[in-house]
Protein backbone atom coordinates (compact mmCIF):
# COMPACT_ATOMS: atom_id res chain seq x y z
CA MET A 1 101.16 85.84 123.20
CA THR A 2 102.65 89.47 123.85
CA VAL A 3 106.32 87.94 122.18
CA LEU A 4 104.30 86.74 119.10
CA ALA A 5 102.94 90.27 119.00
CA VAL A 6 106.20 92.05 118.92
CA VAL A 7 108.03 89.64 116.65
CA PHE A 8 105.06 90.03 113.86
CA ALA A 9 104.57 93.88 114.61
CA ALA A 10 108.45 94.40 114.25
CA LEU A 11 108.34 92.55 110.89
CA ALA A 12 105.43 94.97 109.66
CA ALA A 13 107.34 97.67 110.84
CA ALA A 14 110.31 96.72 109.00
CA LEU A 15 108.37 95.95 105.66
CA HIS A 16 106.55 99.09 105.75
CA VAL A 17 110.27 100.68 105.96
CA TRP A 18 110.88 98.71 102.63
CA ILE A 19 107.90 100.09 101.05
CA PHE A 20 108.88 103.72 101.98
CA VAL A 21 112.34 102.93 100.38
CA MET A 22 110.92 101.50 97.02
CA GLU A 23 107.86 104.30 97.28
CA SER A 24 109.81 107.66 98.28
CA VAL A 25 114.02 106.35 97.47
CA ARG A 26 113.63 103.82 94.61
CA TRP A 27 110.40 104.46 92.70
CA GLU A 28 111.92 104.82 89.17
CA HIS A 29 114.60 101.93 89.50
CA PRO A 30 113.72 98.82 87.23
CA SER A 31 113.32 96.51 89.96
CA THR A 32 110.57 98.85 91.72
CA ARG A 33 108.82 99.14 88.68
CA ARG A 34 108.80 95.31 88.43
CA THR A 35 107.61 94.95 91.58
CA PHE A 36 104.76 97.54 91.14
CA ARG A 37 104.24 96.53 87.36
CA MET A 38 104.75 99.96 86.12
CA SER A 39 106.16 101.40 83.22
CA ALA A 40 109.13 104.29 83.33
CA GLU A 41 106.43 106.43 81.97
CA ASP A 42 103.95 105.71 84.50
CA ALA A 43 106.45 105.81 87.39
CA ALA A 44 107.84 109.24 86.31
CA ALA A 45 103.99 110.47 85.90
CA THR A 46 103.35 109.33 89.46
CA ARG A 47 106.78 109.75 91.56
CA GLU A 48 105.09 112.55 93.58
CA MET A 49 101.99 110.62 94.85
CA ALA A 50 104.77 107.57 95.38
CA TYR A 51 106.90 109.87 97.44
CA ASN A 52 103.96 111.16 99.36
CA GLN A 53 102.68 107.61 100.41
CA GLY A 54 106.13 105.94 100.92
CA PHE A 55 106.15 108.43 103.82
CA TYR A 56 102.36 107.39 105.06
CA ASN A 57 104.37 103.80 105.47
CA LEU A 58 107.35 105.23 106.98
CA PHE A 59 105.21 107.21 109.51
CA LEU A 60 103.17 103.70 110.48
CA ALA A 61 106.53 101.86 110.64
CA VAL A 62 107.83 104.80 113.37
CA THR A 63 104.49 104.49 115.30
CA THR A 64 104.68 100.87 115.43
CA THR A 65 108.70 100.98 116.69
CA VAL A 66 108.07 103.60 118.81
CA GLY A 67 105.27 101.03 120.48
CA LEU A 68 107.50 98.52 120.35
CA VAL A 69 110.09 100.66 122.24
CA LEU A 70 107.80 101.69 125.20
CA LEU A 71 106.33 98.05 125.60
CA GLY A 72 110.23 97.14 126.12
CA VAL A 73 110.63 100.08 128.94
CA ASP A 74 107.42 98.49 130.54
CA GLN A 75 105.13 101.44 129.36
CA THR A 76 102.69 98.80 128.63
CA ASP A 77 99.65 101.20 127.77
CA ALA A 78 100.96 103.77 125.65
CA GLY A 79 103.15 101.23 123.78
CA ARG A 80 100.03 98.53 123.07
CA ALA A 81 98.06 101.85 121.56
CA LEU A 82 100.70 103.09 119.76
CA VAL A 83 101.35 99.19 118.35
CA PHE A 84 97.49 98.72 117.58
CA ALA A 85 97.68 102.18 115.99
CA GLY A 86 100.44 101.35 113.59
CA CYS A 87 99.69 97.94 112.79
CA GLY A 88 95.81 98.19 112.65
CA SER A 89 96.43 101.21 110.04
CA MET A 90 98.67 98.89 108.23
CA LEU A 91 95.95 96.00 108.16
CA ALA A 92 93.40 98.59 107.08
CA ALA A 93 95.60 99.87 104.15
CA ALA A 94 96.06 96.27 103.07
CA VAL A 95 92.20 95.89 103.62
CA VAL A 96 91.64 98.88 101.23
CA LEU A 97 94.25 97.63 98.38
CA VAL A 98 92.58 94.20 98.08
CA VAL A 99 88.92 95.46 97.91
CA ARG A 100 89.92 98.46 95.69
CA SER A 101 92.26 96.27 93.51
CA PRO A 102 91.46 92.32 93.84
CA ALA A 103 93.96 91.95 91.31
CA ARG A 104 96.85 92.96 94.03
CA LEU A 105 95.53 90.08 96.57
CA ARG A 106 98.74 89.03 96.86
CA ALA A 107 100.04 92.62 97.85
CA GLY A 108 97.66 92.96 99.94
CA VAL A 109 98.41 89.79 101.82
CA ALA A 110 102.03 90.37 101.76
CA GLN A 111 101.55 93.87 103.36
CA GLY A 112 98.94 92.69 105.69
CA THR A 113 99.54 89.65 106.98
CA ALA A 114 102.24 90.77 109.92
CA PRO A 115 100.22 93.57 110.81
CA LEU A 116 96.93 91.22 111.17
CA LEU A 117 99.42 88.60 113.32
CA ALA A 118 100.50 91.31 115.81
CA VAL A 119 96.89 92.95 116.12
CA ALA A 120 95.60 89.40 116.89
CA PHE A 121 98.23 87.95 119.25
CA LEU A 122 98.39 91.77 121.21
CA ALA A 123 94.75 91.52 121.60
CA LEU A 124 95.05 88.00 122.89
CA SER A 125 97.49 89.27 125.27
CA LEU A 126 95.15 91.50 127.15
CA ALA A 127 92.80 88.44 126.90
CA VAL A 128 95.15 86.49 128.89
């Protein structure tokens, strides 16, 4: 179970690094605007908010990655705690997205599936 948790946590971290890139580096790029369904004017108006939000996503990815590294060097308790914190926060953010904007269900599922599976498999590994 731990191997599956690690795989899904790594995927979740990678996705959140990509979200950071889109929000903090490429926010006004046409492909990013298409992804977020935004006009050039809306992207310009929300640039600072997106920049900040992108760093939140990066910090979640870093938290999860540090947890994975700690799991790899046999610091199991600290590693699990950080993976639970990082992936749990990613999952909570996906739930908030869908609850607040049901039309964003697809984005919420994309953002929340890997962290959900990571948390579930990590929890199952504690039970075994």
